[in-house]
Each structure stands twice: as C-alpha cells, then as structure tokens.
C-alpha cells in the first residue's frame, strides 16, 4: 500500500509578502523623512531660521508617510486575505 504524501504547508508566499511589506513600509517612511531633513536643513541655513524649516518639513513628511502607510496597509491587507485562496 502506498501512503499518500501529506500536503505541506506552503509558507513561501507569506514570507515573500512579509519581506515586501517591510521593505515597502521602510522606504515609505525613510524617503520622505530624509528628503525633509535635507530640504529643511538647507532652507534653515539659507534663511538663518534654524530649526523652523526642519521641523515644518519633518511634520509634513510624517503626515505624508502616515497617509502612504495607511493606503499601503489596506492594499497589503487585501493581498494577505487573497493569499490562501
């Protein structure tokens, strides 16, 4: 008698999705923050208003990153739900 092979759990899709989420969310936070820091620092030095522009730009980067992450989290949530179907 032949034994039927047991169906193995395929977690590869979950791992790939997890890595994609980490990288995507990390870049979604880092890129606006770094750009805001450079731009704010440059304008502070140019107009001698330190740290006014840096703070304004970083707050703006935070708001932009939050909106991007909310949108991407909803999309990745749907993708996660559809992963096992």
C-alpha atoms as a PDB file:
ATOM      1  CA  UNK A   1       0.000   0.000   0.000  1.00  0.00           C
ATOM      2  CA  UNK A   2       1.223   3.421  -0.876  1.00  0.00           C
ATOM      3  CA  UNK A   3       0.907   6.187   1.656  1.00  0.00           C
ATOM      4  CA  UNK A   4      -0.388   9.451   0.316  1.00  0.00           C
ATOM      5  CA  UNK A   5       2.124  12.235   0.819  1.00  0.00           C
ATOM      6  CA  UNK A   6       0.954  14.765   3.350  1.00  0.00           C
ATOM      7  CA  UNK A   7       0.199  18.178   1.983  1.00  0.00           C
ATOM      8  CA  UNK A   8       2.960  20.503   3.106  1.00  0.00           C
ATOM      9  CA  UNK A   9       2.196  23.961   4.311  1.00  0.00           C
ATOM     10  CA  UNK A  10       3.487  26.449   1.776  1.00  0.00           C
ATOM     11  CA  UNK A  11       4.576  29.475   3.758  1.00  0.00           C
ATOM     12  CA  UNK A  12       6.779  30.869   0.997  1.00  0.00           C
ATOM     13  CA  UNK A  13       4.073  33.290  -0.141  1.00  0.00           C
ATOM     14  CA  UNK A  14       3.678  34.641   3.368  1.00  0.00           C
ATOM     15  CA  UNK A  15       7.418  35.151   3.767  1.00  0.00           C
ATOM     16  CA  UNK A  16       7.672  36.951   0.444  1.00  0.00           C
ATOM     17  CA  UNK A  17       4.725  39.171   1.340  1.00  0.00           C
ATOM     18  CA  UNK A  18       6.262  39.937   4.734  1.00  0.00           C
ATOM     19  CA  UNK A  19       9.575  40.971   3.215  1.00  0.00           C
ATOM     20  CA  UNK A  20       7.806  43.108   0.612  1.00  0.00           C
ATOM     21  CA  UNK A  21       5.804  44.830   3.349  1.00  0.00           C
ATOM     22  CA  UNK A  22       8.911  45.509   5.453  1.00  0.00           C
ATOM     23  CA  UNK A  23      10.844  46.991   2.555  1.00  0.00           C
ATOM     24  CA  UNK A  24       7.924  48.976   1.172  1.00  0.00           C
ATOM     25  CA  UNK A  25       6.913  50.443   4.525  1.00  0.00           C
ATOM     26  CA  UNK A  26      10.526  51.176   5.431  1.00  0.00           C
ATOM     27  CA  UNK A  27      11.110  53.118   2.243  1.00  0.00           C
ATOM     28  CA  UNK A  28       7.748  54.854   2.649  1.00  0.00           C
ATOM     29  CA  UNK A  29       8.944  56.226   5.973  1.00  0.00           C
ATOM     30  CA  UNK A  30      12.627  56.780   5.230  1.00  0.00           C
ATOM     31  CA  UNK A  31      12.492  58.559   1.882  1.00  0.00           C
ATOM     32  CA  UNK A  32      10.148  61.418   2.924  1.00  0.00           C
ATOM     33  CA  UNK A  33      11.962  61.811   6.272  1.00  0.00           C
ATOM     34  CA  UNK A  34      15.422  62.015   4.713  1.00  0.00           C
ATOM     35  CA  UNK A  35      14.250  64.342   1.944  1.00  0.00           C
ATOM     36  CA  UNK A  36      12.527  66.574   4.510  1.00  0.00           C
ATOM     37  CA  UNK A  37      15.616  66.656   6.709  1.00  0.00           C
ATOM     38  CA  UNK A  38      17.893  67.671   3.850  1.00  0.00           C
ATOM     39  CA  UNK A  39      15.479  70.261   2.486  1.00  0.00           C
ATOM     40  CA  UNK A  40      14.706  71.681   5.921  1.00  0.00           C
ATOM     41  CA  UNK A  41      18.355  71.904   6.880  1.00  0.00           C
ATOM     42  CA  UNK A  42      19.223  73.581   3.577  1.00  0.00           C
ATOM     43  CA  UNK A  43      16.488  76.210   3.939  1.00  0.00           C
ATOM     44  CA  UNK A  44      17.347  76.798   7.603  1.00  0.00           C
ATOM     45  CA  UNK A  45      20.945  77.539   6.662  1.00  0.00           C
ATOM     46  CA  UNK A  46      19.958  79.665   3.680  1.00  0.00           C
ATOM     47  CA  UNK A  47      17.482  81.862   5.583  1.00  0.00           C
ATOM     48  CA  UNK A  48      19.077  81.542   9.054  1.00  0.00           C
ATOM     49  CA  UNK A  49      15.821  80.294  10.605  1.00  0.00           C
ATOM     50  CA  UNK A  50      17.039  77.114  12.315  1.00  0.00           C
ATOM     51  CA  UNK A  51      15.173  74.846  13.146  1.00  0.00           C
ATOM     52  CA  UNK A  52      11.938  76.284  11.697  1.00  0.00           C
ATOM     53  CA  UNK A  53      12.030  74.708   8.233  1.00  0.00           C
ATOM     54  CA  UNK A  54      13.434  71.419   9.520  1.00  0.00           C
ATOM     55  CA  UNK A  55      10.542  70.991  11.936  1.00  0.00           C
ATOM     56  CA  UNK A  56       7.930  72.065   9.388  1.00  0.00           C
ATOM     57  CA  UNK A  57       9.294  69.711   6.749  1.00  0.00           C
ATOM     58  CA  UNK A  58       9.580  66.777   9.173  1.00  0.00           C
ATOM     59  CA  UNK A  59       5.981  67.244  10.348  1.00  0.00           C
ATOM     60  CA  UNK A  60       4.900  67.360   6.713  1.00  0.00           C
ATOM     61  CA  UNK A  61       6.929  64.205   5.961  1.00  0.00           C
ATOM     62  CA  UNK A  62       5.273  62.474   8.923  1.00  0.00           C
ATOM     63  CA  UNK A  63       1.803  63.306   7.604  1.00  0.00           C
ATOM     64  CA  UNK A  64       2.694  62.191   4.082  1.00  0.00           C
ATOM     65  CA  UNK A  65       4.233  58.941   5.361  1.00  0.00           C
ATOM     66  CA  UNK A  66       1.184  58.248   7.524  1.00  0.00           C
ATOM     67  CA  UNK A  67      -1.147  58.625   4.541  1.00  0.00           C
ATOM     68  CA  UNK A  68       1.059  56.420   2.367  1.00  0.00           C
ATOM     69  CA  UNK A  69       1.273  53.713   5.046  1.00  0.00           C
ATOM     70  CA  UNK A  70      -2.493  53.695   5.639  1.00  0.00           C
ATOM     71  CA  UNK A  71      -3.117  53.263   1.918  1.00  0.00           C
ATOM     72  CA  UNK A  72      -0.495  50.526   1.566  1.00  0.00           C
ATOM     73  CA  UNK A  73      -1.670  48.714   4.709  1.00  0.00           C
ATOM     74  CA  UNK A  74      -5.173  48.437   3.272  1.00  0.00           C
ATOM     75  CA  UNK A  75      -3.770  47.123  -0.001  1.00  0.00           C
ATOM     76  CA  UNK A  76      -1.497  44.606   1.727  1.00  0.00           C
ATOM     77  CA  UNK A  77      -4.378  43.510   3.951  1.00  0.00           C
ATOM     78  CA  UNK A  78      -6.398  42.603   0.872  1.00  0.00           C
ATOM     79  CA  UNK A  79      -3.388  40.866  -0.637  1.00  0.00           C
ATOM     80  CA  UNK A  80      -2.909  38.849   2.568  1.00  0.00           C
ATOM     81  CA  UNK A  81      -6.564  37.812   2.581  1.00  0.00           C
ATOM     82  CA  UNK A  82      -6.303  36.647  -1.027  1.00  0.00           C
ATOM     83  CA  UNK A  83      -3.026  34.791  -0.481  1.00  0.00           C
ATOM     84  CA  UNK A  84      -4.563  31.474   0.587  1.00  0.00           C
ATOM     85  CA  UNK A  85      -7.447  31.453  -1.888  1.00  0.00           C
END
